[in-house]
Amino acid sequence: MNLESVLKEIDFVIRYKKVCEYHDDFENSMRGNHKKEVLQILEKYDSDIKYIAKERVFKTVFNSSNGYQLELILTVRDGLVEAHLNFLKGQDWLSFNRLDGHAENVDSNFDREKFNIPKYCSLEELEEILREIFSIYEDIKKEVSGKLT
């Protein structure tokens, strides 16, 4: 199994591009890290998400019954949501990249310069972005689970 086929199956490139396109106001982006508020929002979508202070990231891990693992790692601060998705089998890294990097791997015409990281101007806008990212993540988990069983 490879992650690219899963991403194609869920229309990942179109969905991620839409998030970045709609949330692209860097000039008015919210400053600061607002860790407590961000964690409250994230816990709405994943009760297992943890803040890793040493790395200043939020992380959640999905383990499939066949030993595959998906890690979603989020850096949320200064109006930016940088999301990384890692795909592992045991200790072997099968794929790891920021979401815009995965989009470029799936579609070579994806413009990473234009659609790289979603930006937020308020906590409400941040919640919209995170809702979409977790919707994508949930669909990836479903596809991985379905293909592995």
N, C-alpha and C. Protein backbone atom coordinates (compact mmCIF):
# COMPACT_ATOMS: atom_id res chain seq x y z
N MET A 1 0.84 -1.18 0.00
CA MET A 1 0.00 0.00 0.00
C MET A 1 0.88 1.24 0.00
N ASN A 2 0.47 2.24 -0.76
CA ASN A 2 1.19 3.50 -0.68
C ASN A 2 0.20 4.63 -0.39
N LEU A 3 0.70 5.64 0.25
CA LEU A 3 -0.14 6.74 0.69
C LEU A 3 -0.70 7.52 -0.49
N GLU A 4 0.05 7.64 -1.56
CA GLU A 4 -0.42 8.41 -2.72
C GLU A 4 -1.74 7.87 -3.25
N SER A 5 -1.88 6.55 -3.32
CA SER A 5 -3.13 5.99 -3.83
C SER A 5 -4.30 6.30 -2.89
N VAL A 6 -4.03 6.28 -1.59
CA VAL A 6 -5.06 6.64 -0.61
C VAL A 6 -5.46 8.10 -0.80
N LEU A 7 -4.49 8.98 -0.96
CA LEU A 7 -4.77 10.40 -1.13
C LEU A 7 -5.57 10.68 -2.40
N LYS A 8 -5.25 9.97 -3.46
CA LYS A 8 -6.03 10.11 -4.70
C LYS A 8 -7.47 9.68 -4.48
N GLU A 9 -7.66 8.61 -3.76
CA GLU A 9 -8.99 8.05 -3.51
C GLU A 9 -9.91 9.04 -2.80
N ILE A 10 -9.37 9.87 -1.94
CA ILE A 10 -10.20 10.80 -1.16
C ILE A 10 -10.19 12.22 -1.73
N ASP A 11 -9.67 12.41 -2.93
CA ASP A 11 -9.59 13.74 -3.56
C ASP A 11 -8.82 14.74 -2.70
N PHE A 12 -7.74 14.25 -2.12
CA PHE A 12 -6.94 15.05 -1.19
C PHE A 12 -6.46 16.37 -1.80
N VAL A 13 -5.92 16.33 -3.01
CA VAL A 13 -5.34 17.54 -3.59
C VAL A 13 -6.38 18.64 -3.74
N ILE A 14 -7.54 18.29 -4.24
CA ILE A 14 -8.61 19.28 -4.42
C ILE A 14 -9.03 19.84 -3.06
N ARG A 15 -9.18 18.98 -2.08
CA ARG A 15 -9.63 19.40 -0.75
C ARG A 15 -8.60 20.28 -0.06
N TYR A 16 -7.33 19.90 -0.13
CA TYR A 16 -6.30 20.70 0.54
C TYR A 16 -6.12 22.04 -0.16
N LYS A 17 -6.16 22.03 -1.47
CA LYS A 17 -6.03 23.28 -2.23
C LYS A 17 -7.15 24.25 -1.84
N LYS A 18 -8.36 23.72 -1.69
CA LYS A 18 -9.50 24.55 -1.32
C LYS A 18 -9.29 25.19 0.06
N VAL A 19 -8.76 24.42 1.02
CA VAL A 19 -8.49 24.97 2.35
C VAL A 19 -7.49 26.12 2.25
N CYS A 20 -6.41 25.90 1.52
CA CYS A 20 -5.37 26.93 1.40
C CYS A 20 -5.86 28.14 0.63
N GLU A 21 -6.66 27.90 -0.39
CA GLU A 21 -7.17 28.99 -1.22
C GLU A 21 -8.12 29.88 -0.42
N TYR A 22 -8.96 29.27 0.37
CA TYR A 22 -9.97 30.01 1.13
C TYR A 22 -9.35 30.72 2.34
N HIS A 23 -8.30 30.16 2.90
CA HIS A 23 -7.66 30.71 4.10
C HIS A 23 -6.25 31.16 3.74
N ASP A 24 -6.17 32.37 3.18
CA ASP A 24 -4.90 32.83 2.61
C ASP A 24 -4.58 34.29 2.94
N ASP A 25 -5.08 34.82 4.04
CA ASP A 25 -4.86 36.22 4.37
C ASP A 25 -3.69 36.36 5.36
N PHE A 26 -2.48 36.37 4.84
CA PHE A 26 -1.30 36.45 5.69
C PHE A 26 -1.18 37.83 6.35
N GLU A 27 -1.55 38.88 5.64
CA GLU A 27 -1.41 40.25 6.16
C GLU A 27 -2.18 40.45 7.46
N ASN A 28 -3.33 39.81 7.59
CA ASN A 28 -4.17 40.00 8.77
C ASN A 28 -4.16 38.78 9.70
N SER A 29 -3.20 37.90 9.50
CA SER A 29 -3.20 36.67 10.30
C SER A 29 -2.97 36.96 11.78
N MET A 30 -3.52 36.09 12.59
CA MET A 30 -3.50 36.23 14.05
C MET A 30 -2.10 35.92 14.58
N ARG A 31 -1.57 36.73 15.42
CA ARG A 31 -0.24 36.53 15.98
C ARG A 31 -0.31 35.81 17.31
N GLY A 32 0.76 35.12 17.68
CA GLY A 32 0.84 34.40 18.95
C GLY A 32 0.54 32.92 18.76
N ASN A 33 0.69 32.15 19.86
CA ASN A 33 0.45 30.72 19.72
C ASN A 33 -0.88 30.27 20.32
N HIS A 34 -1.43 30.94 21.29
CA HIS A 34 -2.75 30.64 21.85
C HIS A 34 -2.92 29.14 22.12
N LYS A 35 -1.91 28.54 22.72
CA LYS A 35 -1.86 27.08 22.91
C LYS A 35 -3.10 26.51 23.57
N LYS A 36 -3.56 27.15 24.62
CA LYS A 36 -4.72 26.63 25.36
C LYS A 36 -5.96 26.60 24.47
N GLU A 37 -6.24 27.68 23.77
CA GLU A 37 -7.40 27.75 22.89
C GLU A 37 -7.28 26.77 21.73
N VAL A 38 -6.09 26.65 21.17
CA VAL A 38 -5.86 25.72 20.06
C VAL A 38 -6.12 24.29 20.53
N LEU A 39 -5.62 23.94 21.70
CA LEU A 39 -5.83 22.59 22.22
C LEU A 39 -7.32 22.31 22.43
N GLN A 40 -8.05 23.28 22.91
CA GLN A 40 -9.50 23.10 23.10
C GLN A 40 -10.19 22.83 21.76
N ILE A 41 -9.80 23.53 20.74
CA ILE A 41 -10.37 23.30 19.41
C ILE A 41 -9.98 21.91 18.91
N LEU A 42 -8.71 21.57 19.02
CA LEU A 42 -8.23 20.28 18.52
C LEU A 42 -8.91 19.11 19.21
N GLU A 43 -9.16 19.24 20.50
CA GLU A 43 -9.78 18.15 21.25
C GLU A 43 -11.22 17.87 20.79
N LYS A 44 -11.83 18.82 20.11
CA LYS A 44 -13.16 18.59 19.53
C LYS A 44 -13.09 17.54 18.41
N TYR A 45 -11.95 17.49 17.75
CA TYR A 45 -11.79 16.61 16.59
C TYR A 45 -11.01 15.35 16.89
N ASP A 46 -10.23 15.37 17.96
CA ASP A 46 -9.44 14.19 18.32
C ASP A 46 -9.12 14.27 19.81
N SER A 47 -9.76 13.43 20.59
CA SER A 47 -9.56 13.47 22.04
C SER A 47 -8.19 12.95 22.46
N ASP A 48 -7.48 12.30 21.56
CA ASP A 48 -6.15 11.75 21.88
C ASP A 48 -5.00 12.68 21.51
N ILE A 49 -5.30 13.84 20.97
CA ILE A 49 -4.22 14.74 20.53
C ILE A 49 -3.43 15.24 21.74
N LYS A 50 -2.14 15.34 21.57
CA LYS A 50 -1.24 15.78 22.64
C LYS A 50 -0.39 16.96 22.17
N TYR A 51 -0.05 17.81 23.11
CA TYR A 51 0.89 18.89 22.84
C TYR A 51 2.27 18.42 23.28
N ILE A 52 3.24 18.52 22.39
CA ILE A 52 4.61 18.13 22.70
C ILE A 52 5.41 19.43 22.84
N ALA A 53 5.63 19.82 24.09
CA ALA A 53 6.22 21.12 24.39
C ALA A 53 7.62 21.27 23.79
N LYS A 54 8.42 20.22 23.87
CA LYS A 54 9.80 20.29 23.37
C LYS A 54 9.85 20.67 21.89
N GLU A 55 8.88 20.16 21.11
CA GLU A 55 8.86 20.43 19.68
C GLU A 55 7.86 21.52 19.30
N ARG A 56 7.05 21.96 20.29
CA ARG A 56 6.01 22.97 20.06
C ARG A 56 5.01 22.55 18.98
N VAL A 57 4.58 21.31 19.04
CA VAL A 57 3.62 20.78 18.07
C VAL A 57 2.52 20.01 18.78
N PHE A 58 1.42 19.85 18.07
CA PHE A 58 0.33 18.98 18.50
C PHE A 58 0.43 17.73 17.65
N LYS A 59 0.21 16.58 18.28
CA LYS A 59 0.40 15.32 17.55
C LYS A 59 -0.69 14.32 17.92
N THR A 60 -1.16 13.62 16.90
CA THR A 60 -2.06 12.51 17.11
C THR A 60 -1.59 11.35 16.24
N VAL A 61 -1.83 10.13 16.73
CA VAL A 61 -1.35 8.94 16.05
C VAL A 61 -2.49 7.95 15.91
N PHE A 62 -2.61 7.38 14.71
CA PHE A 62 -3.58 6.32 14.44
C PHE A 62 -2.80 5.05 14.13
N ASN A 63 -3.10 3.97 14.86
CA ASN A 63 -2.46 2.68 14.64
C ASN A 63 -3.49 1.72 14.07
N SER A 64 -3.19 1.16 12.90
CA SER A 64 -4.10 0.19 12.28
C SER A 64 -3.86 -1.19 12.88
N SER A 65 -4.75 -2.08 12.62
CA SER A 65 -4.63 -3.44 13.15
C SER A 65 -3.48 -4.22 12.49
N ASN A 66 -3.00 -3.76 11.35
CA ASN A 66 -1.92 -4.45 10.63
C ASN A 66 -0.53 -3.85 10.88
N GLY A 67 -0.42 -2.95 11.83
CA GLY A 67 0.90 -2.39 12.14
C GLY A 67 1.25 -1.14 11.37
N TYR A 68 0.31 -0.61 10.57
CA TYR A 68 0.55 0.67 9.91
C TYR A 68 0.21 1.78 10.88
N GLN A 69 0.85 2.92 10.69
CA GLN A 69 0.64 4.04 11.59
C GLN A 69 0.56 5.33 10.78
N LEU A 70 -0.38 6.18 11.14
CA LEU A 70 -0.49 7.52 10.58
C LEU A 70 -0.25 8.51 11.71
N GLU A 71 0.60 9.47 11.47
CA GLU A 71 0.84 10.54 12.44
C GLU A 71 0.46 11.87 11.80
N LEU A 72 -0.37 12.62 12.49
CA LEU A 72 -0.69 13.97 12.07
C LEU A 72 -0.03 14.90 13.08
N ILE A 73 0.83 15.77 12.57
CA ILE A 73 1.58 16.69 13.42
C ILE A 73 1.25 18.11 12.97
N LEU A 74 0.82 18.93 13.92
CA LEU A 74 0.38 20.28 13.60
C LEU A 74 1.20 21.31 14.37
N THR A 75 1.71 22.28 13.64
CA THR A 75 2.33 23.45 14.23
C THR A 75 1.35 24.59 13.98
N VAL A 76 0.82 25.15 15.06
CA VAL A 76 -0.21 26.19 14.95
C VAL A 76 0.27 27.40 15.73
N ARG A 77 0.67 28.43 14.99
CA ARG A 77 1.07 29.68 15.65
C ARG A 77 1.26 30.78 14.62
N ASP A 78 1.15 31.98 15.10
CA ASP A 78 1.32 33.18 14.28
C ASP A 78 0.48 33.16 13.01
N GLY A 79 -0.75 32.64 13.13
CA GLY A 79 -1.67 32.67 12.01
C GLY A 79 -1.46 31.60 10.96
N LEU A 80 -0.60 30.63 11.23
CA LEU A 80 -0.31 29.58 10.26
C LEU A 80 -0.63 28.20 10.83
N VAL A 81 -1.12 27.32 9.97
CA VAL A 81 -1.36 25.92 10.35
C VAL A 81 -0.49 25.06 9.44
N GLU A 82 0.63 24.61 9.98
CA GLU A 82 1.54 23.75 9.23
C GLU A 82 1.26 22.31 9.66
N ALA A 83 0.80 21.51 8.70
CA ALA A 83 0.41 20.13 9.00
C ALA A 83 1.32 19.15 8.28
N HIS A 84 1.81 18.17 9.03
CA HIS A 84 2.64 17.09 8.49
C HIS A 84 1.88 15.78 8.65
N LEU A 85 2.02 14.91 7.66
CA LEU A 85 1.42 13.59 7.73
C LEU A 85 2.51 12.56 7.48
N ASN A 86 2.69 11.68 8.45
CA ASN A 86 3.69 10.61 8.34
C ASN A 86 2.97 9.28 8.26
N PHE A 87 3.51 8.37 7.43
CA PHE A 87 2.93 7.05 7.23
C PHE A 87 4.03 6.03 7.47
N LEU A 88 3.81 5.15 8.45
CA LEU A 88 4.84 4.19 8.85
C LEU A 88 4.29 2.77 8.86
N LYS A 89 5.18 1.82 8.71
CA LYS A 89 4.87 0.40 8.92
C LYS A 89 5.90 -0.09 9.92
N GLY A 90 5.47 -0.33 11.16
CA GLY A 90 6.42 -0.66 12.22
C GLY A 90 7.37 0.50 12.42
N GLN A 91 8.66 0.24 12.27
CA GLN A 91 9.68 1.28 12.41
C GLN A 91 10.09 1.89 11.07
N ASP A 92 9.50 1.41 9.97
CA ASP A 92 9.86 1.89 8.63
C ASP A 92 8.99 3.07 8.21
N TRP A 93 9.66 4.16 7.84
CA TRP A 93 8.96 5.34 7.36
C TRP A 93 8.64 5.12 5.88
N LEU A 94 7.35 5.05 5.56
CA LEU A 94 6.93 4.85 4.18
C LEU A 94 6.74 6.17 3.46
N SER A 95 6.26 7.17 4.17
CA SER A 95 6.03 8.48 3.58
C SER A 95 5.97 9.51 4.70
N PHE A 96 6.57 10.65 4.47
CA PHE A 96 6.51 11.75 5.44
C PHE A 96 6.67 13.05 4.68
N ASN A 97 5.81 14.01 5.02
CA ASN A 97 5.87 15.28 4.32
C ASN A 97 4.85 16.22 4.93
N ARG A 98 5.00 17.48 4.62
CA ARG A 98 3.98 18.45 4.93
C ARG A 98 2.82 18.20 3.96
N LEU A 99 1.61 18.62 4.29
CA LEU A 99 0.47 18.32 3.43
C LEU A 99 0.64 18.87 2.02
N ASP A 100 1.23 20.05 1.87
CA ASP A 100 1.43 20.57 0.51
C ASP A 100 2.45 19.73 -0.25
N GLY A 101 3.39 19.12 0.43
CA GLY A 101 4.34 18.22 -0.22
C GLY A 101 3.66 16.94 -0.69
N HIS A 102 2.75 16.41 0.13
CA HIS A 102 1.98 15.24 -0.29
C HIS A 102 1.13 15.58 -1.52
N ALA A 103 0.52 16.78 -1.51
CA ALA A 103 -0.30 17.21 -2.65
C ALA A 103 0.54 17.26 -3.92
N GLU A 104 1.75 17.78 -3.82
CA GLU A 104 2.64 17.86 -4.98
C GLU A 104 3.06 16.46 -5.45
N ASN A 105 3.24 15.52 -4.52
CA ASN A 105 3.59 14.16 -4.90
C ASN A 105 2.45 13.48 -5.65
N VAL A 106 1.23 13.78 -5.28
CA VAL A 106 0.07 13.19 -5.93
C VAL A 106 -0.20 13.85 -7.28
N ASP A 107 -0.03 15.16 -7.35
CA ASP A 107 -0.31 15.92 -8.57
C ASP A 107 0.84 16.88 -8.84
N SER A 108 1.66 16.55 -9.83
CA SER A 108 2.84 17.36 -10.12
C SER A 108 2.48 18.79 -10.54
N ASN A 109 1.22 19.05 -10.88
CA ASN A 109 0.79 20.40 -11.25
C ASN A 109 0.35 21.23 -10.03
N PHE A 110 0.35 20.61 -8.86
CA PHE A 110 -0.02 21.34 -7.65
C PHE A 110 1.00 22.45 -7.39
N ASP A 111 0.54 23.65 -7.16
CA ASP A 111 1.41 24.81 -6.98
C ASP A 111 1.67 25.05 -5.49
N ARG A 112 2.80 24.52 -5.00
CA ARG A 112 3.14 24.66 -3.58
C ARG A 112 3.44 26.10 -3.19
N GLU A 113 3.87 26.90 -4.14
CA GLU A 113 4.14 28.31 -3.83
C GLU A 113 2.85 29.03 -3.46
N LYS A 114 1.78 28.69 -4.16
CA LYS A 114 0.50 29.37 -3.97
C LYS A 114 -0.35 28.73 -2.87
N PHE A 115 -0.31 27.40 -2.77
CA PHE A 115 -1.17 26.66 -1.85
C PHE A 115 -0.34 25.85 -0.88
N ASN A 116 0.36 26.54 0.02
CA ASN A 116 1.26 25.80 0.90
C ASN A 116 0.70 25.60 2.31
N ILE A 117 0.40 26.65 3.01
CA ILE A 117 -0.02 26.55 4.40
C ILE A 117 -1.25 27.45 4.61
N PRO A 118 -2.34 26.91 5.17
CA PRO A 118 -3.50 27.77 5.46
C PRO A 118 -3.16 28.79 6.55
N LYS A 119 -3.79 29.95 6.43
CA LYS A 119 -3.55 31.05 7.37
C LYS A 119 -4.88 31.46 8.01
N TYR A 120 -4.83 31.83 9.28
CA TYR A 120 -6.05 32.21 9.99
C TYR A 120 -5.91 33.58 10.62
N CYS A 121 -7.04 34.29 10.69
CA CYS A 121 -7.09 35.63 11.27
C CYS A 121 -7.82 35.67 12.60
N SER A 122 -8.49 34.55 12.95
CA SER A 122 -9.26 34.48 14.19
C SER A 122 -9.32 33.02 14.63
N LEU A 123 -9.74 32.82 15.87
CA LEU A 123 -9.90 31.45 16.37
C LEU A 123 -11.02 30.73 15.62
N GLU A 124 -12.03 31.48 15.18
CA GLU A 124 -13.11 30.87 14.41
C GLU A 124 -12.59 30.36 13.06
N GLU A 125 -11.76 31.15 12.43
CA GLU A 125 -11.18 30.72 11.15
C GLU A 125 -10.23 29.54 11.37
N LEU A 126 -9.48 29.58 12.45
CA LEU A 126 -8.61 28.46 12.78
C LEU A 126 -9.43 27.18 12.92
N GLU A 127 -10.57 27.28 13.60
CA GLU A 127 -11.41 26.09 13.77
C GLU A 127 -11.90 25.56 12.42
N GLU A 128 -12.24 26.45 11.50
CA GLU A 128 -12.66 26.01 10.16
C GLU A 128 -11.54 25.23 9.47
N ILE A 129 -10.33 25.74 9.56
CA ILE A 129 -9.18 25.07 8.94
C ILE A 129 -8.96 23.70 9.57
N LEU A 130 -8.96 23.66 10.89
CA LEU A 130 -8.72 22.39 11.59
C LEU A 130 -9.84 21.38 11.32
N ARG A 131 -11.06 21.85 11.21
CA ARG A 131 -12.18 20.96 10.88
C ARG A 131 -11.93 20.29 9.53
N GLU A 132 -11.48 21.06 8.56
CA GLU A 132 -11.21 20.50 7.23
C GLU A 132 -10.01 19.55 7.25
N ILE A 133 -8.95 19.91 7.96
CA ILE A 133 -7.78 19.04 8.04
C ILE A 133 -8.15 17.72 8.71
N PHE A 134 -8.94 17.79 9.77
CA PHE A 134 -9.33 16.55 10.45
C PHE A 134 -10.32 15.74 9.62
N SER A 135 -11.12 16.39 8.82
CA SER A 135 -12.00 15.66 7.90
C SER A 135 -11.16 14.86 6.90
N ILE A 136 -10.14 15.49 6.38
CA ILE A 136 -9.21 14.80 5.46
C ILE A 136 -8.52 13.66 6.19
N TYR A 137 -8.01 13.92 7.38
CA TYR A 137 -7.31 12.90 8.17
C TYR A 137 -8.22 11.71 8.47
N GLU A 138 -9.46 11.97 8.84
CA GLU A 138 -10.41 10.88 9.11
C GLU A 138 -10.64 10.04 7.87
N ASP A 139 -10.76 10.68 6.71
CA ASP A 139 -10.96 9.93 5.46
C ASP A 139 -9.73 9.10 5.11
N ILE A 140 -8.55 9.63 5.39
CA ILE A 140 -7.32 8.86 5.16
C ILE A 140 -7.32 7.64 6.08
N LYS A 141 -7.66 7.83 7.34
CA LYS A 141 -7.71 6.71 8.29
C LYS A 141 -8.69 5.64 7.82
N LYS A 142 -9.86 6.04 7.35
CA LYS A 142 -10.85 5.10 6.86
C LYS A 142 -10.33 4.31 5.67
N GLU A 143 -9.69 5.00 4.75
CA GLU A 143 -9.14 4.34 3.56
C GLU A 143 -8.04 3.36 3.94
N VAL A 144 -7.15 3.78 4.83
CA VAL A 144 -6.05 2.92 5.27
C VAL A 144 -6.63 1.69 5.98
N SER A 145 -7.60 1.89 6.83
CA SER A 145 -8.22 0.78 7.56
C SER A 145 -8.92 -0.17 6.60
N GLY A 146 -9.64 0.38 5.63
CA GLY A 146 -10.37 -0.43 4.67
C GLY A 146 -9.46 -1.22 3.76
N LYS A 147 -8.33 -0.65 3.40
CA LYS A 147 -7.40 -1.33 2.50
C LYS A 147 -6.53 -2.36 3.24
N LEU A 148 -6.46 -2.25 4.55
CA LEU A 148 -5.59 -3.14 5.31
C LEU A 148 -6.33 -4.33 5.88
N THR A 149 -7.64 -4.28 5.95
CA THR A 149 -8.36 -5.39 6.57
C THR A 149 -8.76 -6.42 5.55
